[in-house]
Amino acid sequence: MNHLLEAGLKRMLQEAFEGPPKPVTVSYFTNTKPDSGIFGVLSHLSAADVSKQIYGTTLAAHTDHIRYHMWGTNEWLYEGTFPTMDWNKSWEIHRVSEEEWLYIQAGLQHEYHRLLEKIDHMEWNEDLANEVVGSLAHSAYHLGAMQQMLKCMKDTVNKKCI
């Protein structure tokens, strides 16, 4: 694959997970603050926060679902086979302890770094390119869903979303 496209993929993944590297006036799809990616959004939340039911799910479930999806992507990229996955199981998290919450976040960090590392050493084909772009799109979608859930959590007057 073209080195510029690989760099672009990594930059978009970094924005989705880390946010822009410094305050900027324009970003690709997140807020302009460095902590506006998935990791920044989650870093200020407690286990109690991420265990709250909003729109029928929790932020803990969203986070672990992203980790699970990225694990599947990484298995394919590293091992050459896509694992059998139980997508319903990835949404079963309702309540987490502080220890479980830290474990989920660490797992997501691990899979994210594995994916960034693999991009630099891939033998690209169309299927693999689609999988990496799909992982980016999937993560960006869940970042938006998480942002909406956080807005709902902060809105103490409107409880329709809970």
N, C-alpha and C. Protein backbone atom coordinates (compact mmCIF):
# COMPACT_ATOMS: atom_id res chain seq x y z
N MET A 1 0.85 -1.18 0.00
CA MET A 1 0.00 0.00 0.00
C MET A 1 0.89 1.23 0.00
N ASN A 2 0.36 2.29 -0.48
CA ASN A 2 1.08 3.57 -0.53
C ASN A 2 1.39 4.04 0.89
N HIS A 3 2.64 4.44 1.12
CA HIS A 3 3.05 4.90 2.45
C HIS A 3 2.16 6.04 2.95
N LEU A 4 1.73 6.91 2.06
CA LEU A 4 0.86 8.02 2.47
C LEU A 4 -0.50 7.52 2.95
N LEU A 5 -1.01 6.48 2.32
CA LEU A 5 -2.29 5.92 2.77
C LEU A 5 -2.14 5.23 4.13
N GLU A 6 -1.04 4.54 4.34
CA GLU A 6 -0.80 3.92 5.65
C GLU A 6 -0.70 4.98 6.73
N ALA A 7 0.02 6.05 6.43
CA ALA A 7 0.15 7.15 7.39
C ALA A 7 -1.21 7.78 7.67
N GLY A 8 -2.01 7.93 6.63
CA GLY A 8 -3.35 8.49 6.81
C GLY A 8 -4.25 7.60 7.66
N LEU A 9 -4.19 6.30 7.43
CA LEU A 9 -4.96 5.37 8.25
C LEU A 9 -4.55 5.47 9.71
N LYS A 10 -3.25 5.48 9.96
CA LYS A 10 -2.78 5.59 11.34
C LYS A 10 -3.21 6.90 11.97
N ARG A 11 -3.14 7.99 11.21
CA ARG A 11 -3.53 9.30 11.74
C ARG A 11 -5.01 9.31 12.11
N MET A 12 -5.84 8.71 11.26
CA MET A 12 -7.29 8.67 11.55
C MET A 12 -7.57 7.79 12.78
N LEU A 13 -6.87 6.66 12.89
CA LEU A 13 -7.03 5.82 14.08
C LEU A 13 -6.59 6.58 15.33
N GLN A 14 -5.48 7.29 15.22
CA GLN A 14 -5.00 8.07 16.36
C GLN A 14 -6.00 9.14 16.76
N GLU A 15 -6.63 9.78 15.79
CA GLU A 15 -7.62 10.78 16.15
C GLU A 15 -8.83 10.12 16.81
N ALA A 16 -9.25 8.97 16.31
CA ALA A 16 -10.40 8.28 16.90
C ALA A 16 -10.12 7.88 18.35
N PHE A 17 -8.91 7.45 18.64
CA PHE A 17 -8.60 6.95 19.98
C PHE A 17 -7.94 7.98 20.88
N GLU A 18 -7.08 8.80 20.35
CA GLU A 18 -6.33 9.75 21.17
C GLU A 18 -6.81 11.19 21.01
N GLY A 19 -7.51 11.49 19.93
CA GLY A 19 -7.86 12.86 19.61
C GLY A 19 -6.69 13.52 18.90
N PRO A 20 -6.84 14.76 18.51
CA PRO A 20 -5.72 15.46 17.87
C PRO A 20 -4.52 15.51 18.82
N PRO A 21 -3.30 15.49 18.27
CA PRO A 21 -2.11 15.46 19.12
C PRO A 21 -1.89 16.75 19.91
N LYS A 22 -2.47 17.83 19.50
CA LYS A 22 -2.37 19.11 20.21
C LYS A 22 -3.62 19.90 19.89
N PRO A 23 -3.93 20.94 20.65
CA PRO A 23 -5.11 21.73 20.30
C PRO A 23 -4.98 22.26 18.87
N VAL A 24 -6.02 22.05 18.09
CA VAL A 24 -6.02 22.48 16.69
C VAL A 24 -7.30 23.26 16.42
N THR A 25 -7.31 23.99 15.31
CA THR A 25 -8.53 24.71 14.95
C THR A 25 -9.48 23.83 14.15
N VAL A 26 -8.95 22.80 13.49
CA VAL A 26 -9.77 21.89 12.69
C VAL A 26 -9.25 20.47 12.93
N SER A 27 -10.16 19.55 13.12
CA SER A 27 -9.79 18.14 13.20
C SER A 27 -10.55 17.40 12.11
N TYR A 28 -10.21 16.15 11.90
CA TYR A 28 -10.87 15.38 10.85
C TYR A 28 -12.30 15.00 11.23
N PHE A 29 -12.52 14.56 12.49
CA PHE A 29 -13.88 14.18 12.87
C PHE A 29 -14.14 14.23 14.36
N THR A 30 -13.16 14.58 15.19
CA THR A 30 -13.40 14.71 16.62
C THR A 30 -13.43 16.18 16.99
N ASN A 31 -13.56 16.45 18.26
CA ASN A 31 -13.41 17.82 18.73
C ASN A 31 -11.96 18.24 18.51
N THR A 32 -11.66 19.49 18.71
CA THR A 32 -10.31 19.99 18.44
C THR A 32 -9.36 19.85 19.62
N LYS A 33 -9.82 19.30 20.74
CA LYS A 33 -8.98 19.13 21.91
C LYS A 33 -8.26 17.78 21.87
N PRO A 34 -7.05 17.69 22.40
CA PRO A 34 -6.30 16.43 22.36
C PRO A 34 -7.00 15.24 23.03
N ASP A 35 -7.80 15.46 24.03
CA ASP A 35 -8.42 14.34 24.75
C ASP A 35 -9.81 13.99 24.22
N SER A 36 -10.11 14.34 22.98
CA SER A 36 -11.46 14.14 22.47
C SER A 36 -11.67 12.79 21.79
N GLY A 37 -10.65 11.95 21.75
CA GLY A 37 -10.81 10.60 21.22
C GLY A 37 -11.36 9.66 22.29
N ILE A 38 -11.50 8.41 21.94
CA ILE A 38 -12.08 7.41 22.84
C ILE A 38 -11.36 7.37 24.18
N PHE A 39 -10.03 7.33 24.17
CA PHE A 39 -9.30 7.22 25.43
C PHE A 39 -9.51 8.44 26.32
N GLY A 40 -9.53 9.62 25.74
CA GLY A 40 -9.76 10.83 26.52
C GLY A 40 -11.16 10.88 27.09
N VAL A 41 -12.13 10.48 26.30
CA VAL A 41 -13.53 10.46 26.74
C VAL A 41 -13.68 9.52 27.93
N LEU A 42 -13.02 8.38 27.88
CA LEU A 42 -13.19 7.36 28.92
C LEU A 42 -12.35 7.62 30.16
N SER A 43 -11.28 8.37 30.02
CA SER A 43 -10.31 8.51 31.11
C SER A 43 -10.87 9.16 32.37
N HIS A 44 -11.92 9.92 32.25
CA HIS A 44 -12.47 10.64 33.40
C HIS A 44 -13.67 9.92 34.02
N LEU A 45 -13.97 8.74 33.54
CA LEU A 45 -15.17 8.05 33.98
C LEU A 45 -14.86 6.93 34.97
N SER A 46 -15.68 6.81 35.97
CA SER A 46 -15.54 5.75 36.97
C SER A 46 -16.31 4.51 36.51
N ALA A 47 -16.09 3.43 37.23
CA ALA A 47 -16.84 2.21 36.95
C ALA A 47 -18.34 2.44 37.12
N ALA A 48 -18.71 3.24 38.12
CA ALA A 48 -20.13 3.55 38.31
C ALA A 48 -20.69 4.31 37.12
N ASP A 49 -19.91 5.25 36.59
CA ASP A 49 -20.35 6.02 35.41
C ASP A 49 -20.59 5.10 34.22
N VAL A 50 -19.64 4.25 33.93
CA VAL A 50 -19.72 3.42 32.73
C VAL A 50 -20.67 2.24 32.89
N SER A 51 -21.20 2.06 34.10
CA SER A 51 -22.18 1.00 34.36
C SER A 51 -23.62 1.50 34.28
N LYS A 52 -23.82 2.79 34.07
CA LYS A 52 -25.17 3.34 33.97
C LYS A 52 -25.81 2.92 32.65
N GLN A 53 -27.05 2.47 32.74
CA GLN A 53 -27.81 2.10 31.54
C GLN A 53 -28.27 3.36 30.82
N ILE A 54 -27.86 3.50 29.56
CA ILE A 54 -28.28 4.62 28.72
C ILE A 54 -28.62 4.05 27.35
N TYR A 55 -29.83 4.34 26.89
CA TYR A 55 -30.28 3.79 25.61
C TYR A 55 -30.18 2.26 25.58
N GLY A 56 -30.34 1.63 26.73
CA GLY A 56 -30.34 0.18 26.79
C GLY A 56 -28.99 -0.50 26.85
N THR A 57 -27.92 0.28 27.01
CA THR A 57 -26.59 -0.31 27.11
C THR A 57 -25.73 0.56 28.03
N THR A 58 -24.48 0.21 28.17
CA THR A 58 -23.57 0.96 29.03
C THR A 58 -22.33 1.37 28.25
N LEU A 59 -21.64 2.36 28.78
CA LEU A 59 -20.37 2.76 28.18
C LEU A 59 -19.33 1.65 28.34
N ALA A 60 -19.41 0.88 29.39
CA ALA A 60 -18.50 -0.26 29.56
C ALA A 60 -18.70 -1.27 28.43
N ALA A 61 -19.97 -1.53 28.08
CA ALA A 61 -20.25 -2.47 26.98
C ALA A 61 -19.73 -1.92 25.66
N HIS A 62 -19.96 -0.64 25.39
CA HIS A 62 -19.43 -0.03 24.16
C HIS A 62 -17.91 -0.18 24.10
N THR A 63 -17.26 0.10 25.20
CA THR A 63 -15.79 0.04 25.24
C THR A 63 -15.31 -1.37 24.98
N ASP A 64 -15.91 -2.35 25.64
CA ASP A 64 -15.48 -3.73 25.44
C ASP A 64 -15.85 -4.22 24.05
N HIS A 65 -16.94 -3.74 23.50
CA HIS A 65 -17.33 -4.10 22.13
C HIS A 65 -16.28 -3.60 21.12
N ILE A 66 -15.80 -2.39 21.31
CA ILE A 66 -14.74 -1.87 20.43
C ILE A 66 -13.49 -2.74 20.57
N ARG A 67 -13.13 -3.07 21.81
CA ARG A 67 -11.97 -3.92 22.05
C ARG A 67 -12.14 -5.27 21.37
N TYR A 68 -13.31 -5.85 21.49
CA TYR A 68 -13.60 -7.16 20.91
C TYR A 68 -13.50 -7.11 19.38
N HIS A 69 -14.08 -6.08 18.79
CA HIS A 69 -14.00 -5.92 17.34
C HIS A 69 -12.55 -5.77 16.89
N MET A 70 -11.80 -4.94 17.61
CA MET A 70 -10.41 -4.70 17.25
C MET A 70 -9.57 -5.96 17.47
N TRP A 71 -9.89 -6.75 18.49
CA TRP A 71 -9.22 -8.03 18.70
C TRP A 71 -9.44 -8.92 17.48
N GLY A 72 -10.69 -9.00 17.00
CA GLY A 72 -10.98 -9.81 15.82
C GLY A 72 -10.20 -9.34 14.60
N THR A 73 -10.13 -8.04 14.41
CA THR A 73 -9.34 -7.48 13.31
C THR A 73 -7.88 -7.89 13.46
N ASN A 74 -7.35 -7.71 14.65
CA ASN A 74 -5.94 -8.05 14.88
C ASN A 74 -5.67 -9.54 14.69
N GLU A 75 -6.59 -10.39 15.10
CA GLU A 75 -6.40 -11.83 14.90
C GLU A 75 -6.27 -12.13 13.41
N TRP A 76 -7.11 -11.50 12.61
CA TRP A 76 -7.04 -11.72 11.17
C TRP A 76 -5.71 -11.20 10.60
N LEU A 77 -5.34 -9.98 11.01
CA LEU A 77 -4.13 -9.38 10.48
C LEU A 77 -2.87 -10.12 10.90
N TYR A 78 -2.84 -10.59 12.15
CA TYR A 78 -1.64 -11.25 12.67
C TYR A 78 -1.62 -12.76 12.37
N GLU A 79 -2.78 -13.40 12.47
CA GLU A 79 -2.83 -14.86 12.36
C GLU A 79 -3.31 -15.35 10.99
N GLY A 80 -3.92 -14.47 10.20
CA GLY A 80 -4.36 -14.85 8.87
C GLY A 80 -5.74 -15.48 8.80
N THR A 81 -6.42 -15.60 9.94
CA THR A 81 -7.78 -16.14 9.94
C THR A 81 -8.65 -15.26 10.83
N PHE A 82 -9.88 -15.07 10.39
CA PHE A 82 -10.81 -14.29 11.19
C PHE A 82 -11.47 -15.22 12.19
N PRO A 83 -11.43 -14.88 13.48
CA PRO A 83 -11.97 -15.79 14.49
C PRO A 83 -13.51 -15.83 14.47
N THR A 84 -14.05 -16.92 14.97
CA THR A 84 -15.49 -16.99 15.18
C THR A 84 -15.81 -16.06 16.34
N MET A 85 -16.78 -15.19 16.13
CA MET A 85 -17.07 -14.18 17.15
C MET A 85 -18.54 -14.22 17.53
N ASP A 86 -18.82 -14.05 18.80
CA ASP A 86 -20.17 -14.00 19.33
C ASP A 86 -20.49 -12.54 19.64
N TRP A 87 -21.07 -11.84 18.68
CA TRP A 87 -21.31 -10.40 18.83
C TRP A 87 -22.27 -10.09 19.97
N ASN A 88 -23.25 -10.96 20.23
CA ASN A 88 -24.17 -10.71 21.34
C ASN A 88 -23.43 -10.72 22.67
N LYS A 89 -22.46 -11.62 22.81
CA LYS A 89 -21.70 -11.70 24.05
C LYS A 89 -20.94 -10.40 24.31
N SER A 90 -20.53 -9.72 23.24
CA SER A 90 -19.77 -8.49 23.43
C SER A 90 -20.62 -7.37 24.03
N TRP A 91 -21.93 -7.55 24.10
CA TRP A 91 -22.80 -6.52 24.68
C TRP A 91 -23.34 -6.92 26.05
N GLU A 92 -22.85 -7.98 26.64
CA GLU A 92 -23.41 -8.48 27.90
C GLU A 92 -22.94 -7.74 29.14
N ILE A 93 -22.02 -6.83 29.01
CA ILE A 93 -21.50 -6.13 30.19
C ILE A 93 -22.51 -5.09 30.66
N HIS A 94 -22.93 -5.21 31.90
CA HIS A 94 -23.88 -4.26 32.46
C HIS A 94 -23.26 -3.45 33.61
N ARG A 95 -22.62 -4.13 34.50
CA ARG A 95 -21.95 -3.48 35.64
C ARG A 95 -20.51 -3.95 35.71
N VAL A 96 -19.63 -3.00 36.04
CA VAL A 96 -18.23 -3.35 36.21
C VAL A 96 -17.70 -2.74 37.49
N SER A 97 -16.73 -3.42 38.08
CA SER A 97 -16.01 -2.86 39.23
C SER A 97 -14.92 -1.95 38.69
N GLU A 98 -14.26 -1.21 39.57
CA GLU A 98 -13.15 -0.36 39.13
C GLU A 98 -12.05 -1.21 38.50
N GLU A 99 -11.78 -2.37 39.10
CA GLU A 99 -10.76 -3.27 38.56
C GLU A 99 -11.14 -3.77 37.17
N GLU A 100 -12.40 -4.17 36.99
CA GLU A 100 -12.86 -4.63 35.67
C GLU A 100 -12.80 -3.50 34.64
N TRP A 101 -13.16 -2.29 35.07
CA TRP A 101 -13.14 -1.14 34.17
C TRP A 101 -11.71 -0.85 33.70
N LEU A 102 -10.76 -0.89 34.61
CA LEU A 102 -9.35 -0.70 34.23
C LEU A 102 -8.88 -1.80 33.28
N TYR A 103 -9.31 -3.02 33.51
CA TYR A 103 -8.94 -4.15 32.67
C TYR A 103 -9.49 -3.97 31.25
N ILE A 104 -10.73 -3.56 31.12
CA ILE A 104 -11.34 -3.33 29.80
C ILE A 104 -10.58 -2.23 29.06
N GLN A 105 -10.28 -1.14 29.76
CA GLN A 105 -9.55 -0.04 29.12
C GLN A 105 -8.15 -0.48 28.69
N ALA A 106 -7.48 -1.25 29.53
CA ALA A 106 -6.14 -1.73 29.19
C ALA A 106 -6.20 -2.66 27.98
N GLY A 107 -7.21 -3.50 27.91
CA GLY A 107 -7.39 -4.39 26.77
C GLY A 107 -7.60 -3.61 25.48
N LEU A 108 -8.37 -2.54 25.55
CA LEU A 108 -8.60 -1.71 24.37
C LEU A 108 -7.30 -1.02 23.95
N GLN A 109 -6.57 -0.50 24.92
CA GLN A 109 -5.28 0.13 24.61
C GLN A 109 -4.35 -0.88 23.91
N HIS A 110 -4.32 -2.08 24.44
CA HIS A 110 -3.45 -3.12 23.88
C HIS A 110 -3.82 -3.43 22.43
N GLU A 111 -5.09 -3.64 22.15
CA GLU A 111 -5.52 -3.96 20.78
C GLU A 111 -5.28 -2.79 19.83
N TYR A 112 -5.49 -1.58 20.31
CA TYR A 112 -5.23 -0.38 19.51
C TYR A 112 -3.75 -0.31 19.11
N HIS A 113 -2.86 -0.52 20.07
CA HIS A 113 -1.43 -0.45 19.77
C HIS A 113 -0.99 -1.60 18.86
N ARG A 114 -1.58 -2.76 19.03
CA ARG A 114 -1.28 -3.88 18.12
C ARG A 114 -1.66 -3.51 16.69
N LEU A 115 -2.81 -2.88 16.51
CA LEU A 115 -3.25 -2.51 15.17
C LEU A 115 -2.33 -1.46 14.56
N LEU A 116 -1.97 -0.44 15.33
CA LEU A 116 -1.06 0.58 14.81
C LEU A 116 0.27 -0.04 14.39
N GLU A 117 0.78 -0.95 15.21
CA GLU A 117 2.05 -1.61 14.91
C GLU A 117 1.94 -2.44 13.62
N LYS A 118 0.85 -3.15 13.47
CA LYS A 118 0.70 -4.04 12.32
C LYS A 118 0.61 -3.25 11.01
N ILE A 119 0.00 -2.08 11.04
CA ILE A 119 -0.14 -1.27 9.82
C ILE A 119 1.22 -1.00 9.19
N ASP A 120 2.23 -0.83 10.00
CA ASP A 120 3.58 -0.56 9.48
C ASP A 120 4.23 -1.77 8.81
N HIS A 121 3.71 -2.97 9.03
CA HIS A 121 4.38 -4.19 8.55
C HIS A 121 3.44 -5.12 7.79
N MET A 122 2.44 -4.57 7.14
CA MET A 122 1.45 -5.40 6.47
C MET A 122 1.80 -5.64 5.01
N GLU A 123 1.44 -6.82 4.55
CA GLU A 123 1.40 -7.13 3.13
C GLU A 123 -0.05 -6.90 2.73
N TRP A 124 -0.34 -5.75 2.17
CA TRP A 124 -1.71 -5.31 1.93
C TRP A 124 -2.37 -6.06 0.78
N ASN A 125 -3.65 -6.29 0.94
CA ASN A 125 -4.52 -6.70 -0.15
C ASN A 125 -5.85 -6.00 0.10
N GLU A 126 -6.78 -6.13 -0.82
CA GLU A 126 -8.04 -5.40 -0.69
C GLU A 126 -8.80 -5.79 0.57
N ASP A 127 -8.86 -7.08 0.89
CA ASP A 127 -9.60 -7.52 2.08
C ASP A 127 -9.00 -6.94 3.36
N LEU A 128 -7.68 -6.95 3.46
CA LEU A 128 -7.05 -6.42 4.67
C LEU A 128 -7.24 -4.91 4.76
N ALA A 129 -7.13 -4.22 3.63
CA ALA A 129 -7.36 -2.78 3.63
C ALA A 129 -8.79 -2.47 4.07
N ASN A 130 -9.75 -3.24 3.57
CA ASN A 130 -11.14 -3.03 3.96
C ASN A 130 -11.34 -3.29 5.45
N GLU A 131 -10.66 -4.29 5.99
CA GLU A 131 -10.78 -4.60 7.42
C GLU A 131 -10.25 -3.47 8.28
N VAL A 132 -9.11 -2.91 7.92
CA VAL A 132 -8.53 -1.82 8.71
C VAL A 132 -9.39 -0.57 8.60
N VAL A 133 -9.85 -0.24 7.41
CA VAL A 133 -10.73 0.93 7.24
C VAL A 133 -12.04 0.69 7.99
N GLY A 134 -12.53 -0.55 7.94
CA GLY A 134 -13.75 -0.88 8.67
C GLY A 134 -13.57 -0.74 10.17
N SER A 135 -12.41 -1.12 10.67
CA SER A 135 -12.14 -0.97 12.10
C SER A 135 -12.12 0.50 12.49
N LEU A 136 -11.54 1.33 11.64
CA LEU A 136 -11.56 2.77 11.88
C LEU A 136 -12.99 3.30 11.91
N ALA A 137 -13.79 2.94 10.91
CA ALA A 137 -15.17 3.41 10.85
C ALA A 137 -15.97 2.92 12.05
N HIS A 138 -15.78 1.66 12.41
CA HIS A 138 -16.48 1.09 13.56
C HIS A 138 -16.14 1.84 14.84
N SER A 139 -14.87 2.12 15.04
CA SER A 139 -14.43 2.85 16.23
C SER A 139 -14.97 4.28 16.25
N ALA A 140 -14.95 4.94 15.09
CA ALA A 140 -15.47 6.32 15.02
C ALA A 140 -16.97 6.34 15.31
N TYR A 141 -17.69 5.35 14.81
CA TYR A 141 -19.13 5.26 15.10
C TYR A 141 -19.36 5.16 16.61
N HIS A 142 -18.60 4.29 17.27
CA HIS A 142 -18.80 4.11 18.71
C HIS A 142 -18.34 5.33 19.50
N LEU A 143 -17.35 6.05 19.02
CA LEU A 143 -16.97 7.30 19.67
C LEU A 143 -18.16 8.26 19.65
N GLY A 144 -18.84 8.37 18.51
CA GLY A 144 -20.03 9.23 18.43
C GLY A 144 -21.13 8.76 19.36
N ALA A 145 -21.35 7.45 19.41
CA ALA A 145 -22.37 6.91 20.31
C ALA A 145 -22.02 7.22 21.76
N MET A 146 -20.76 7.08 22.11
CA MET A 146 -20.31 7.38 23.48
C MET A 146 -20.52 8.86 23.81
N GLN A 147 -20.21 9.72 22.86
CA GLN A 147 -20.41 11.16 23.08
C GLN A 147 -21.88 11.46 23.35
N GLN A 148 -22.78 10.82 22.61
CA GLN A 148 -24.21 11.03 22.84
C GLN A 148 -24.63 10.49 24.21
N MET A 149 -24.09 9.37 24.60
CA MET A 149 -24.40 8.81 25.92
C MET A 149 -23.92 9.74 27.03
N LEU A 150 -22.74 10.32 26.85
CA LEU A 150 -22.22 11.26 27.85
C LEU A 150 -23.08 12.50 27.95
N LYS A 151 -23.57 12.99 26.83
CA LYS A 151 -24.48 14.14 26.86
C LYS A 151 -25.73 13.80 27.66
N CYS A 152 -26.22 12.61 27.46
CA CYS A 152 -27.40 12.17 28.19
C CYS A 152 -27.12 12.08 29.69
N MET A 153 -25.95 11.58 30.05
CA MET A 153 -25.58 11.46 31.47
C MET A 153 -25.53 12.84 32.13
N LYS A 154 -25.09 13.84 31.39
CA LYS A 154 -24.96 15.18 31.95
C LYS A 154 -26.28 15.93 32.02
N ASP A 155 -27.26 15.48 31.24
CA ASP A 155 -28.56 16.14 31.20
C ASP A 155 -29.41 15.59 32.35
N THR A 156 -29.44 16.31 33.44
CA THR A 156 -30.18 15.84 34.61
C THR A 156 -31.67 16.09 34.50
N VAL A 157 -32.10 16.94 33.57
CA VAL A 157 -33.51 17.24 33.41
C VAL A 157 -34.20 16.21 32.51
N ASN A 158 -33.58 15.88 31.38
CA ASN A 158 -34.17 14.98 30.40
C ASN A 158 -33.70 13.55 30.67
N LYS A 159 -34.57 12.72 31.19
CA LYS A 159 -34.21 11.35 31.50
C LYS A 159 -34.80 10.36 30.48
N LYS A 160 -35.23 10.84 29.32
CA LYS A 160 -35.81 9.96 28.32
C LYS A 160 -34.81 8.96 27.76
N CYS A 161 -33.55 9.27 27.81
CA CYS A 161 -32.54 8.40 27.22
C CYS A 161 -32.07 7.31 28.16
N ILE A 162 -32.47 7.36 29.37
CA ILE A 162 -32.00 6.36 30.35
C ILE A 162 -32.99 5.22 30.46
